[in-house]
């Protein structure tokens, strides 16, 4: 609720923006849009006394056309990942679900 109020002017509907507690997933159709959206979020949060952590910020590309491109926030290169966890589920860049299935099968055997 608090984050909703704090981010009204930059938040977009799902699937373009997904938020839970202090985790935010921003989806865009191009590297340029990712950088623009990151900058908008950074500005909106800093105006309210919060910061985007460069060390915790990551990006992932799906159907990437130019693998050499970089994403930057305030001139700092953001780490590129092939998968990330969001709300306990693993999201993979190529759309696979193998890691997630394996994790759930192991949980079933161990649970």
N, C-alpha and C. Protein backbone atom coordinates (compact mmCIF):
# COMPACT_ATOMS: atom_id res chain seq x y z
N UNK A 1 0.82 -1.18 0.00
CA UNK A 1 0.00 0.00 0.00
C UNK A 1 0.88 1.26 0.00
N UNK A 2 1.89 1.27 0.87
CA UNK A 2 2.78 2.43 0.94
C UNK A 2 3.54 2.59 -0.37
N UNK A 3 4.09 1.49 -0.90
CA UNK A 3 4.83 1.58 -2.17
C UNK A 3 3.91 2.01 -3.30
N UNK A 4 2.65 1.58 -3.28
CA UNK A 4 1.70 2.02 -4.30
C UNK A 4 1.60 3.54 -4.31
N UNK A 5 1.45 4.13 -3.14
CA UNK A 5 1.32 5.59 -3.06
C UNK A 5 2.61 6.29 -3.46
N UNK A 6 3.74 5.71 -3.07
CA UNK A 6 5.03 6.34 -3.36
C UNK A 6 5.40 6.28 -4.83
N UNK A 7 4.84 5.31 -5.54
CA UNK A 7 5.27 5.09 -6.93
C UNK A 7 4.16 5.29 -7.94
N UNK A 8 3.10 5.98 -7.56
CA UNK A 8 1.96 6.20 -8.45
C UNK A 8 2.35 6.70 -9.83
N UNK A 9 3.26 7.68 -9.89
CA UNK A 9 3.54 8.30 -11.19
C UNK A 9 4.44 7.48 -12.10
N UNK A 10 5.10 6.45 -11.58
CA UNK A 10 5.99 5.64 -12.43
C UNK A 10 5.51 4.21 -12.62
N UNK A 11 4.67 3.75 -11.75
CA UNK A 11 4.20 2.36 -11.82
C UNK A 11 3.29 2.16 -13.02
N UNK A 12 3.45 1.03 -13.70
CA UNK A 12 2.58 0.65 -14.80
C UNK A 12 1.85 -0.63 -14.42
N UNK A 13 0.84 -0.98 -15.18
CA UNK A 13 0.09 -2.20 -14.89
C UNK A 13 0.94 -3.44 -15.16
N UNK A 14 0.60 -4.56 -14.52
CA UNK A 14 1.25 -5.84 -14.82
C UNK A 14 0.98 -6.18 -16.27
N UNK A 15 1.91 -6.77 -16.96
CA UNK A 15 3.18 -7.30 -16.50
C UNK A 15 4.32 -6.30 -16.57
N UNK A 16 4.08 -5.05 -16.90
CA UNK A 16 5.16 -4.08 -17.08
C UNK A 16 5.82 -3.69 -15.77
N UNK A 17 5.07 -3.67 -14.68
CA UNK A 17 5.64 -3.41 -13.36
C UNK A 17 5.01 -4.37 -12.38
N UNK A 18 5.85 -5.06 -11.63
CA UNK A 18 5.36 -5.95 -10.57
C UNK A 18 6.13 -5.60 -9.30
N UNK A 19 5.39 -5.41 -8.21
CA UNK A 19 6.02 -5.01 -6.96
C UNK A 19 5.55 -5.90 -5.82
N UNK A 20 6.50 -6.19 -4.92
CA UNK A 20 6.17 -6.87 -3.68
C UNK A 20 7.20 -6.41 -2.65
N UNK A 21 6.72 -5.81 -1.57
CA UNK A 21 7.60 -5.26 -0.53
C UNK A 21 8.60 -4.31 -1.19
N UNK A 22 9.90 -4.60 -1.09
CA UNK A 22 10.89 -3.70 -1.71
C UNK A 22 11.47 -4.28 -3.00
N UNK A 23 10.82 -5.30 -3.55
CA UNK A 23 11.25 -5.87 -4.83
C UNK A 23 10.38 -5.33 -5.96
N UNK A 24 11.04 -4.88 -7.01
CA UNK A 24 10.32 -4.33 -8.16
C UNK A 24 10.85 -4.99 -9.42
N UNK A 25 9.95 -5.47 -10.26
CA UNK A 25 10.32 -6.00 -11.57
C UNK A 25 9.76 -5.03 -12.60
N UNK A 26 10.64 -4.53 -13.47
CA UNK A 26 10.24 -3.60 -14.52
C UNK A 26 10.45 -4.31 -15.85
N UNK A 27 9.42 -4.41 -16.65
CA UNK A 27 9.52 -5.05 -17.97
C UNK A 27 9.41 -3.99 -19.05
N UNK A 28 10.23 -4.12 -20.07
CA UNK A 28 10.20 -3.19 -21.19
C UNK A 28 10.52 -3.96 -22.46
N UNK A 29 10.24 -3.34 -23.59
CA UNK A 29 10.46 -4.00 -24.87
C UNK A 29 11.81 -3.72 -25.49
N UNK A 30 12.58 -2.80 -24.92
CA UNK A 30 13.91 -2.52 -25.46
C UNK A 30 14.84 -2.12 -24.32
N UNK A 31 16.13 -2.23 -24.60
CA UNK A 31 17.15 -1.83 -23.64
C UNK A 31 17.01 -0.35 -23.28
N UNK A 32 16.69 0.46 -24.28
CA UNK A 32 16.53 1.89 -24.05
C UNK A 32 15.36 2.16 -23.10
N UNK A 33 14.25 1.44 -23.30
CA UNK A 33 13.10 1.61 -22.41
C UNK A 33 13.43 1.17 -20.99
N UNK A 34 14.24 0.11 -20.86
CA UNK A 34 14.65 -0.33 -19.52
C UNK A 34 15.41 0.79 -18.83
N UNK A 35 16.38 1.39 -19.53
CA UNK A 35 17.16 2.47 -18.93
C UNK A 35 16.28 3.67 -18.58
N UNK A 36 15.37 4.03 -19.47
CA UNK A 36 14.46 5.14 -19.19
C UNK A 36 13.60 4.86 -17.97
N UNK A 37 13.05 3.64 -17.90
CA UNK A 37 12.20 3.29 -16.75
C UNK A 37 13.00 3.22 -15.45
N UNK A 38 14.21 2.69 -15.51
CA UNK A 38 15.06 2.67 -14.32
C UNK A 38 15.32 4.08 -13.81
N UNK A 39 15.61 4.98 -14.74
CA UNK A 39 15.88 6.37 -14.35
C UNK A 39 14.63 7.02 -13.76
N UNK A 40 13.46 6.76 -14.32
CA UNK A 40 12.21 7.31 -13.77
C UNK A 40 11.97 6.79 -12.35
N UNK A 41 12.19 5.49 -12.15
CA UNK A 41 12.03 4.90 -10.82
C UNK A 41 13.04 5.49 -9.84
N UNK A 42 14.29 5.60 -10.27
CA UNK A 42 15.33 6.16 -9.40
C UNK A 42 14.93 7.56 -8.95
N UNK A 43 14.52 8.38 -9.88
CA UNK A 43 14.14 9.76 -9.57
C UNK A 43 12.95 9.79 -8.61
N UNK A 44 11.92 8.99 -8.90
CA UNK A 44 10.72 8.98 -8.05
C UNK A 44 11.05 8.52 -6.63
N UNK A 45 11.88 7.51 -6.50
CA UNK A 45 12.22 7.00 -5.17
C UNK A 45 13.13 7.97 -4.42
N UNK A 46 14.11 8.56 -5.11
CA UNK A 46 15.01 9.50 -4.44
C UNK A 46 14.29 10.75 -3.97
N UNK A 47 13.27 11.16 -4.71
CA UNK A 47 12.48 12.32 -4.26
C UNK A 47 11.80 12.06 -2.93
N UNK A 48 11.62 10.79 -2.61
CA UNK A 48 10.95 10.41 -1.36
C UNK A 48 11.94 9.85 -0.33
N UNK A 49 13.22 10.10 -0.56
CA UNK A 49 14.23 9.71 0.42
C UNK A 49 14.69 8.27 0.34
N UNK A 50 14.36 7.57 -0.74
CA UNK A 50 14.80 6.18 -0.90
C UNK A 50 15.82 6.09 -2.03
N UNK A 51 16.50 4.95 -2.12
CA UNK A 51 17.52 4.77 -3.14
C UNK A 51 17.33 3.45 -3.87
N UNK A 52 17.76 3.43 -5.13
CA UNK A 52 17.86 2.18 -5.88
C UNK A 52 19.27 1.65 -5.61
N UNK A 53 19.36 0.42 -5.16
CA UNK A 53 20.66 -0.19 -4.88
C UNK A 53 21.27 -0.70 -6.17
N UNK A 54 22.38 -0.09 -6.60
CA UNK A 54 23.05 -0.55 -7.82
C UNK A 54 23.52 -1.99 -7.67
N UNK A 55 23.97 -2.36 -6.47
CA UNK A 55 24.50 -3.72 -6.28
C UNK A 55 23.41 -4.78 -6.28
N UNK A 56 22.16 -4.41 -5.99
CA UNK A 56 21.06 -5.38 -5.99
C UNK A 56 20.23 -5.33 -7.27
N UNK A 57 20.53 -4.37 -8.14
CA UNK A 57 19.76 -4.22 -9.38
C UNK A 57 20.37 -5.11 -10.46
N UNK A 58 19.53 -5.89 -11.11
CA UNK A 58 19.96 -6.79 -12.18
C UNK A 58 19.02 -6.64 -13.36
N UNK A 59 19.50 -7.07 -14.53
CA UNK A 59 18.60 -7.10 -15.68
C UNK A 59 18.76 -8.42 -16.41
N UNK A 60 17.71 -8.80 -17.10
CA UNK A 60 17.68 -10.03 -17.87
C UNK A 60 17.04 -9.72 -19.21
N UNK A 61 17.60 -10.27 -20.28
CA UNK A 61 17.05 -10.08 -21.62
C UNK A 61 16.37 -11.36 -22.09
N UNK A 62 15.25 -11.19 -22.75
CA UNK A 62 14.53 -12.30 -23.36
C UNK A 62 14.52 -12.04 -24.86
N UNK A 63 14.86 -13.04 -25.66
CA UNK A 63 14.93 -12.87 -27.12
C UNK A 63 15.84 -11.71 -27.50
N UNK A 64 17.02 -11.72 -26.94
CA UNK A 64 17.96 -10.62 -27.11
C UNK A 64 18.52 -10.56 -28.53
N UNK A 65 18.46 -9.39 -29.14
CA UNK A 65 18.99 -9.20 -30.49
C UNK A 65 20.46 -8.82 -30.49
N UNK A 66 20.87 -8.01 -29.52
CA UNK A 66 22.26 -7.56 -29.45
C UNK A 66 22.84 -7.91 -28.08
N UNK A 67 23.50 -9.07 -27.97
CA UNK A 67 24.00 -9.51 -26.66
C UNK A 67 25.13 -8.65 -26.10
N UNK A 68 25.69 -7.77 -26.92
CA UNK A 68 26.80 -6.93 -26.44
C UNK A 68 26.33 -5.69 -25.71
N UNK A 69 25.07 -5.34 -25.85
CA UNK A 69 24.56 -4.12 -25.22
C UNK A 69 24.60 -4.19 -23.71
N UNK A 70 24.68 -3.04 -23.08
CA UNK A 70 24.73 -2.94 -21.63
C UNK A 70 23.58 -2.06 -21.15
N UNK A 71 23.15 -2.29 -19.92
CA UNK A 71 22.17 -1.42 -19.28
C UNK A 71 22.90 -0.67 -18.19
N UNK A 72 22.68 0.63 -18.15
CA UNK A 72 23.34 1.48 -17.16
C UNK A 72 22.31 2.30 -16.40
N UNK A 73 22.66 2.57 -15.15
CA UNK A 73 21.86 3.45 -14.30
C UNK A 73 22.81 4.47 -13.72
N UNK A 74 22.61 5.72 -14.06
CA UNK A 74 23.50 6.81 -13.64
C UNK A 74 24.94 6.52 -14.05
N UNK A 75 25.12 5.95 -15.23
CA UNK A 75 26.45 5.67 -15.74
C UNK A 75 27.08 4.40 -15.22
N UNK A 76 26.42 3.73 -14.27
CA UNK A 76 26.95 2.50 -13.68
C UNK A 76 26.33 1.31 -14.40
N UNK A 77 27.18 0.39 -14.88
CA UNK A 77 26.68 -0.79 -15.58
C UNK A 77 25.96 -1.72 -14.60
N UNK A 78 24.78 -2.15 -15.01
CA UNK A 78 23.97 -3.05 -14.20
C UNK A 78 24.31 -4.50 -14.58
N UNK A 79 24.37 -5.38 -13.59
CA UNK A 79 24.72 -6.77 -13.84
C UNK A 79 23.63 -7.50 -14.63
N UNK A 80 24.06 -8.20 -15.67
CA UNK A 80 23.15 -9.00 -16.49
C UNK A 80 23.09 -10.41 -15.93
N UNK A 81 21.88 -10.97 -15.85
CA UNK A 81 21.69 -12.34 -15.34
C UNK A 81 20.90 -13.16 -16.35
N UNK A 82 21.03 -14.47 -16.27
CA UNK A 82 20.28 -15.37 -17.14
C UNK A 82 18.98 -15.83 -16.48
N UNK A 83 18.89 -15.66 -15.16
CA UNK A 83 17.66 -15.97 -14.45
C UNK A 83 17.64 -15.18 -13.14
N UNK A 84 16.47 -15.05 -12.55
CA UNK A 84 16.36 -14.40 -11.25
C UNK A 84 15.17 -14.97 -10.51
N UNK A 85 15.19 -14.79 -9.20
CA UNK A 85 14.08 -15.26 -8.37
C UNK A 85 13.17 -14.09 -8.08
N UNK A 86 11.88 -14.33 -8.21
CA UNK A 86 10.88 -13.33 -7.83
C UNK A 86 9.75 -14.06 -7.13
N UNK A 87 9.49 -13.67 -5.91
CA UNK A 87 8.46 -14.30 -5.08
C UNK A 87 8.63 -15.81 -5.01
N UNK A 88 9.90 -16.25 -4.91
CA UNK A 88 10.19 -17.66 -4.74
C UNK A 88 10.27 -18.48 -6.01
N UNK A 89 9.93 -17.91 -7.15
CA UNK A 89 9.98 -18.65 -8.42
C UNK A 89 11.15 -18.15 -9.26
N UNK A 90 11.76 -19.06 -10.00
CA UNK A 90 12.88 -18.71 -10.87
C UNK A 90 12.35 -18.36 -12.26
N UNK A 91 12.72 -17.17 -12.73
CA UNK A 91 12.36 -16.71 -14.07
C UNK A 91 13.63 -16.82 -14.91
N UNK A 92 13.55 -17.51 -16.07
CA UNK A 92 14.72 -17.73 -16.90
C UNK A 92 14.61 -16.97 -18.22
N UNK A 93 15.76 -16.51 -18.71
CA UNK A 93 15.79 -15.63 -19.88
C UNK A 93 15.27 -16.27 -21.15
N UNK A 94 15.43 -17.56 -21.31
CA UNK A 94 14.97 -18.21 -22.54
C UNK A 94 13.57 -18.82 -22.38
N UNK A 95 12.93 -18.53 -21.26
CA UNK A 95 11.57 -19.00 -21.05
C UNK A 95 11.48 -20.43 -20.55
N UNK A 96 12.63 -21.05 -20.26
CA UNK A 96 12.61 -22.42 -19.75
C UNK A 96 12.03 -22.44 -18.34
N UNK A 97 11.66 -23.61 -17.91
CA UNK A 97 11.17 -23.75 -16.54
C UNK A 97 11.87 -24.90 -15.82
N UNK A 98 12.97 -25.40 -16.39
CA UNK A 98 13.68 -26.54 -15.82
C UNK A 98 14.14 -26.33 -14.39
N UNK A 99 14.73 -25.19 -14.09
CA UNK A 99 15.20 -24.93 -12.73
C UNK A 99 14.04 -24.91 -11.75
N UNK A 100 12.96 -24.30 -12.16
CA UNK A 100 11.79 -24.20 -11.28
C UNK A 100 11.17 -25.57 -11.05
N UNK A 101 11.05 -26.38 -12.09
CA UNK A 101 10.50 -27.73 -11.95
C UNK A 101 11.39 -28.57 -11.03
N UNK A 102 12.71 -28.51 -11.26
CA UNK A 102 13.65 -29.27 -10.44
C UNK A 102 13.53 -28.86 -8.97
N UNK A 103 13.45 -27.56 -8.71
CA UNK A 103 13.33 -27.07 -7.34
C UNK A 103 12.06 -27.60 -6.68
N UNK A 104 10.96 -27.58 -7.41
CA UNK A 104 9.69 -28.04 -6.84
C UNK A 104 9.66 -29.56 -6.64
N UNK A 105 10.27 -30.31 -7.56
CA UNK A 105 10.34 -31.76 -7.39
C UNK A 105 11.18 -32.09 -6.15
N UNK A 106 12.32 -31.42 -6.00
CA UNK A 106 13.16 -31.65 -4.83
C UNK A 106 12.42 -31.29 -3.55
N UNK A 107 11.66 -30.22 -3.57
CA UNK A 107 10.88 -29.82 -2.39
C UNK A 107 9.86 -30.90 -2.05
N UNK A 108 9.27 -31.51 -3.07
CA UNK A 108 8.30 -32.58 -2.85
C UNK A 108 8.94 -33.81 -2.23
N UNK A 109 10.16 -34.15 -2.69
CA UNK A 109 10.87 -35.32 -2.14
C UNK A 109 11.33 -35.04 -0.71
N UNK A 110 11.73 -33.80 -0.46
CA UNK A 110 12.26 -33.45 0.87
C UNK A 110 11.17 -33.05 1.86
N UNK A 111 9.99 -32.70 1.34
CA UNK A 111 8.94 -32.14 2.18
C UNK A 111 8.15 -33.15 2.88
